[in-house]
């Protein structure tokens, strides 16, 4: 299995759907999901670091709220990391519509 856990870091969002509705939704998912709330805006990098500090996986992938993944997006990235554990990888965006 490729996915060990999902960590969602909420950087003090005020959007209603990211409150209890989000908690209810992730509780039903078949994978471990942790929702971390910062309480006050700390910014992108600090929010990512907060999530990374509690992660348990061997590989960490950062996605922002505007990112959308399609089936099969992760495997090529993991393959490159498997070939070189010191690699930093990112997907190729060849089509923007």
N, C-alpha and C. Protein backbone atom coordinates (compact mmCIF):
# COMPACT_ATOMS: atom_id res chain seq x y z
N UNK A 1 0.84 -1.18 0.00
CA UNK A 1 0.00 0.00 0.00
C UNK A 1 0.89 1.24 0.00
N UNK A 2 0.56 2.18 -0.85
CA UNK A 2 1.37 3.38 -1.01
C UNK A 2 1.10 4.43 0.07
N UNK A 3 -0.10 4.47 0.57
CA UNK A 3 -0.51 5.54 1.47
C UNK A 3 -0.59 5.06 2.90
N UNK A 4 0.27 5.61 3.76
CA UNK A 4 0.24 5.23 5.17
C UNK A 4 -0.70 6.13 5.97
N UNK A 5 -0.69 7.41 5.66
CA UNK A 5 -1.51 8.35 6.41
C UNK A 5 -1.69 9.63 5.60
N UNK A 6 -2.68 10.40 6.01
CA UNK A 6 -2.89 11.74 5.46
C UNK A 6 -2.87 12.70 6.64
N UNK A 7 -2.11 13.76 6.49
CA UNK A 7 -2.07 14.80 7.51
C UNK A 7 -2.57 16.09 6.86
N UNK A 8 -3.65 16.62 7.38
CA UNK A 8 -4.21 17.88 6.90
C UNK A 8 -3.87 18.96 7.91
N UNK A 9 -3.18 19.99 7.47
CA UNK A 9 -2.84 21.10 8.36
C UNK A 9 -3.72 22.29 7.99
N UNK A 10 -4.56 22.69 8.92
CA UNK A 10 -5.44 23.84 8.74
C UNK A 10 -4.75 25.05 9.36
N UNK A 11 -4.30 25.96 8.51
CA UNK A 11 -3.58 27.15 8.97
C UNK A 11 -4.57 28.26 9.33
N UNK A 12 -5.36 27.99 10.37
CA UNK A 12 -6.34 28.94 10.92
C UNK A 12 -7.38 29.39 9.90
N UNK A 13 -7.87 28.43 9.12
CA UNK A 13 -8.92 28.74 8.15
C UNK A 13 -10.20 29.16 8.86
N UNK A 14 -10.94 30.04 8.23
CA UNK A 14 -12.22 30.48 8.77
C UNK A 14 -13.39 29.93 7.96
N UNK A 15 -13.12 29.04 7.03
CA UNK A 15 -14.17 28.48 6.18
C UNK A 15 -14.96 27.42 6.96
N UNK A 16 -16.28 27.52 6.90
CA UNK A 16 -17.16 26.62 7.65
C UNK A 16 -16.94 25.15 7.31
N UNK A 17 -16.77 24.85 6.03
CA UNK A 17 -16.66 23.44 5.62
C UNK A 17 -15.34 22.80 6.07
N UNK A 18 -14.42 23.57 6.62
CA UNK A 18 -13.17 23.00 7.12
C UNK A 18 -13.19 22.78 8.63
N UNK A 19 -14.36 22.95 9.22
CA UNK A 19 -14.52 22.72 10.66
C UNK A 19 -15.02 21.31 10.94
N UNK A 20 -16.16 21.22 11.58
CA UNK A 20 -16.69 19.91 11.97
C UNK A 20 -17.08 19.06 10.77
N UNK A 21 -17.48 19.69 9.66
CA UNK A 21 -17.80 18.92 8.45
C UNK A 21 -16.58 18.14 7.97
N UNK A 22 -15.43 18.76 8.01
CA UNK A 22 -14.19 18.09 7.61
C UNK A 22 -13.88 16.94 8.56
N UNK A 23 -14.00 17.19 9.85
CA UNK A 23 -13.74 16.15 10.86
C UNK A 23 -14.64 14.93 10.63
N UNK A 24 -15.92 15.18 10.36
CA UNK A 24 -16.87 14.09 10.12
C UNK A 24 -16.50 13.32 8.85
N UNK A 25 -16.11 14.04 7.81
CA UNK A 25 -15.77 13.41 6.54
C UNK A 25 -14.53 12.52 6.68
N UNK A 26 -13.46 13.04 7.26
CA UNK A 26 -12.22 12.26 7.32
C UNK A 26 -12.34 11.07 8.27
N UNK A 27 -13.25 11.14 9.22
CA UNK A 27 -13.45 10.02 10.14
C UNK A 27 -13.96 8.78 9.41
N UNK A 28 -14.59 8.97 8.26
CA UNK A 28 -15.16 7.86 7.49
C UNK A 28 -14.20 7.29 6.45
N UNK A 29 -13.05 7.90 6.27
CA UNK A 29 -12.11 7.45 5.24
C UNK A 29 -11.40 6.17 5.67
N UNK A 30 -11.01 5.32 4.71
CA UNK A 30 -10.37 4.05 5.04
C UNK A 30 -8.87 4.16 5.32
N UNK A 31 -8.36 5.36 5.50
CA UNK A 31 -6.94 5.58 5.79
C UNK A 31 -6.84 6.51 7.00
N UNK A 32 -5.76 6.40 7.73
CA UNK A 32 -5.54 7.26 8.89
C UNK A 32 -5.39 8.71 8.45
N UNK A 33 -6.25 9.58 8.99
CA UNK A 33 -6.20 11.01 8.66
C UNK A 33 -6.09 11.80 9.96
N UNK A 34 -5.10 12.68 10.01
CA UNK A 34 -4.90 13.56 11.16
C UNK A 34 -5.17 14.99 10.71
N UNK A 35 -6.03 15.69 11.42
CA UNK A 35 -6.28 17.10 11.13
C UNK A 35 -5.58 17.91 12.22
N UNK A 36 -4.62 18.72 11.80
CA UNK A 36 -3.86 19.57 12.71
C UNK A 36 -4.33 21.00 12.49
N UNK A 37 -4.69 21.68 13.55
CA UNK A 37 -5.14 23.06 13.44
C UNK A 37 -4.14 23.97 14.14
N UNK A 38 -3.70 25.01 13.44
CA UNK A 38 -2.65 25.86 13.99
C UNK A 38 -3.17 26.89 14.99
N UNK A 39 -4.44 27.23 14.93
CA UNK A 39 -4.97 28.21 15.87
C UNK A 39 -4.76 29.65 15.43
N UNK A 40 -3.63 29.91 14.80
CA UNK A 40 -3.35 31.23 14.22
C UNK A 40 -2.53 31.03 12.96
N UNK A 41 -2.59 31.97 12.05
CA UNK A 41 -1.85 31.84 10.79
C UNK A 41 -0.35 31.77 11.06
N UNK A 42 0.26 30.71 10.54
CA UNK A 42 1.70 30.56 10.70
C UNK A 42 2.41 30.51 9.34
N UNK A 43 1.65 30.45 8.27
CA UNK A 43 2.23 30.46 6.93
C UNK A 43 2.48 29.07 6.38
N UNK A 44 2.71 29.03 5.07
CA UNK A 44 2.85 27.77 4.34
C UNK A 44 3.98 26.89 4.86
N UNK A 45 5.17 27.44 4.97
CA UNK A 45 6.33 26.62 5.35
C UNK A 45 6.19 26.09 6.77
N UNK A 46 5.81 26.93 7.70
CA UNK A 46 5.65 26.46 9.09
C UNK A 46 4.52 25.43 9.20
N UNK A 47 3.46 25.62 8.44
CA UNK A 47 2.36 24.66 8.45
C UNK A 47 2.83 23.31 7.92
N UNK A 48 3.61 23.34 6.84
CA UNK A 48 4.15 22.08 6.30
C UNK A 48 5.07 21.41 7.31
N UNK A 49 5.91 22.18 7.95
CA UNK A 49 6.82 21.61 8.95
C UNK A 49 6.05 21.00 10.11
N UNK A 50 4.98 21.64 10.52
CA UNK A 50 4.14 21.11 11.60
C UNK A 50 3.59 19.73 11.22
N UNK A 51 3.14 19.58 9.99
CA UNK A 51 2.65 18.29 9.53
C UNK A 51 3.77 17.27 9.39
N UNK A 52 4.91 17.70 8.87
CA UNK A 52 6.04 16.79 8.68
C UNK A 52 6.54 16.24 10.01
N UNK A 53 6.51 17.05 11.05
CA UNK A 53 7.01 16.61 12.35
C UNK A 53 6.22 15.44 12.93
N UNK A 54 4.95 15.33 12.60
CA UNK A 54 4.16 14.22 13.16
C UNK A 54 4.01 13.06 12.18
N UNK A 55 4.53 13.21 10.98
CA UNK A 55 4.36 12.16 9.97
C UNK A 55 5.13 10.90 10.35
N UNK A 56 4.60 9.76 9.92
CA UNK A 56 5.21 8.46 10.22
C UNK A 56 5.77 7.78 8.98
N UNK A 57 5.38 8.24 7.81
CA UNK A 57 5.78 7.58 6.57
C UNK A 57 7.25 7.79 6.23
N UNK A 58 7.75 6.96 5.33
CA UNK A 58 9.13 7.07 4.87
C UNK A 58 9.28 8.17 3.83
N UNK A 59 8.20 8.52 3.16
CA UNK A 59 8.20 9.56 2.14
C UNK A 59 7.09 10.54 2.49
N UNK A 60 7.40 11.83 2.38
CA UNK A 60 6.41 12.87 2.65
C UNK A 60 6.10 13.60 1.35
N UNK A 61 4.82 13.76 1.06
CA UNK A 61 4.38 14.50 -0.12
C UNK A 61 3.56 15.69 0.36
N UNK A 62 3.89 16.87 -0.13
CA UNK A 62 3.15 18.07 0.23
C UNK A 62 2.22 18.45 -0.91
N UNK A 63 0.96 18.67 -0.58
CA UNK A 63 -0.03 19.14 -1.55
C UNK A 63 -0.73 20.35 -0.95
N UNK A 64 -1.02 21.32 -1.76
CA UNK A 64 -1.75 22.49 -1.31
C UNK A 64 -3.23 22.34 -1.67
N UNK A 65 -4.06 23.21 -1.13
CA UNK A 65 -5.51 23.10 -1.31
C UNK A 65 -5.94 23.13 -2.77
N UNK A 66 -5.20 23.79 -3.62
CA UNK A 66 -5.58 23.90 -5.03
C UNK A 66 -5.11 22.72 -5.88
N UNK A 67 -4.37 21.79 -5.29
CA UNK A 67 -3.83 20.65 -6.05
C UNK A 67 -4.89 19.57 -6.23
N UNK A 68 -4.88 18.98 -7.41
CA UNK A 68 -5.78 17.86 -7.71
C UNK A 68 -4.94 16.74 -8.29
N UNK A 69 -5.09 15.55 -7.73
CA UNK A 69 -4.31 14.40 -8.18
C UNK A 69 -5.20 13.43 -8.94
N UNK A 70 -4.64 12.84 -9.96
CA UNK A 70 -5.35 11.81 -10.71
C UNK A 70 -4.75 10.45 -10.37
N UNK A 71 -5.45 9.42 -10.73
CA UNK A 71 -4.98 8.07 -10.46
C UNK A 71 -3.62 7.85 -11.12
N UNK A 72 -2.70 7.29 -10.37
CA UNK A 72 -1.38 6.98 -10.90
C UNK A 72 -0.36 8.10 -10.79
N UNK A 73 -0.68 9.19 -10.12
CA UNK A 73 0.26 10.31 -10.03
C UNK A 73 1.43 10.03 -9.10
N UNK A 74 1.22 9.20 -8.08
CA UNK A 74 2.25 9.00 -7.06
C UNK A 74 3.31 7.97 -7.44
N UNK A 75 2.92 6.94 -8.16
CA UNK A 75 3.85 5.84 -8.45
C UNK A 75 5.14 6.28 -9.13
N UNK A 76 5.11 7.14 -10.16
CA UNK A 76 6.37 7.56 -10.79
C UNK A 76 7.29 8.32 -9.83
N UNK A 77 6.71 9.09 -8.94
CA UNK A 77 7.51 9.83 -7.96
C UNK A 77 8.19 8.87 -6.99
N UNK A 78 7.43 7.89 -6.51
CA UNK A 78 8.00 6.90 -5.59
C UNK A 78 9.07 6.05 -6.26
N UNK A 79 8.91 5.78 -7.54
CA UNK A 79 9.90 5.02 -8.29
C UNK A 79 11.24 5.76 -8.31
N UNK A 80 11.19 7.06 -8.55
CA UNK A 80 12.42 7.86 -8.56
C UNK A 80 13.08 7.88 -7.19
N UNK A 81 12.28 7.97 -6.14
CA UNK A 81 12.83 7.95 -4.78
C UNK A 81 13.42 6.59 -4.47
N UNK A 82 12.78 5.53 -4.95
CA UNK A 82 13.30 4.17 -4.76
C UNK A 82 14.68 4.03 -5.40
N UNK A 83 14.85 4.65 -6.56
CA UNK A 83 16.14 4.59 -7.25
C UNK A 83 17.22 5.40 -6.55
N UNK A 84 16.82 6.48 -5.87
CA UNK A 84 17.78 7.34 -5.17
C UNK A 84 17.09 7.95 -3.96
N UNK A 85 17.37 7.41 -2.77
CA UNK A 85 16.70 7.85 -1.54
C UNK A 85 16.98 9.31 -1.19
N UNK A 86 17.99 9.92 -1.81
CA UNK A 86 18.29 11.33 -1.54
C UNK A 86 17.59 12.26 -2.51
N UNK A 87 16.80 11.71 -3.42
CA UNK A 87 16.15 12.51 -4.46
C UNK A 87 15.01 13.36 -3.91
N UNK A 88 14.88 14.53 -4.47
CA UNK A 88 13.70 15.37 -4.27
C UNK A 88 12.98 15.36 -5.61
N UNK A 89 11.73 14.96 -5.62
CA UNK A 89 11.02 14.78 -6.89
C UNK A 89 9.78 15.65 -6.94
N UNK A 90 9.35 15.95 -8.16
CA UNK A 90 8.09 16.67 -8.37
C UNK A 90 7.49 16.18 -9.68
N UNK A 91 6.18 16.25 -9.80
CA UNK A 91 5.54 15.77 -11.03
C UNK A 91 5.78 16.73 -12.19
N UNK A 92 5.64 16.21 -13.38
CA UNK A 92 5.70 17.04 -14.59
C UNK A 92 4.28 17.45 -14.92
N UNK A 93 4.08 18.73 -15.10
CA UNK A 93 2.76 19.23 -15.48
C UNK A 93 2.83 19.54 -16.96
N UNK A 94 2.34 18.61 -17.78
CA UNK A 94 2.46 18.78 -19.22
C UNK A 94 1.18 19.28 -19.89
N UNK A 95 0.08 19.30 -19.15
CA UNK A 95 -1.18 19.77 -19.71
C UNK A 95 -1.87 20.63 -18.67
N UNK A 96 -2.13 21.85 -19.03
CA UNK A 96 -2.91 22.73 -18.16
C UNK A 96 -4.11 23.20 -18.97
N UNK A 97 -5.30 22.92 -18.45
CA UNK A 97 -6.50 23.32 -19.19
C UNK A 97 -7.41 24.14 -18.32
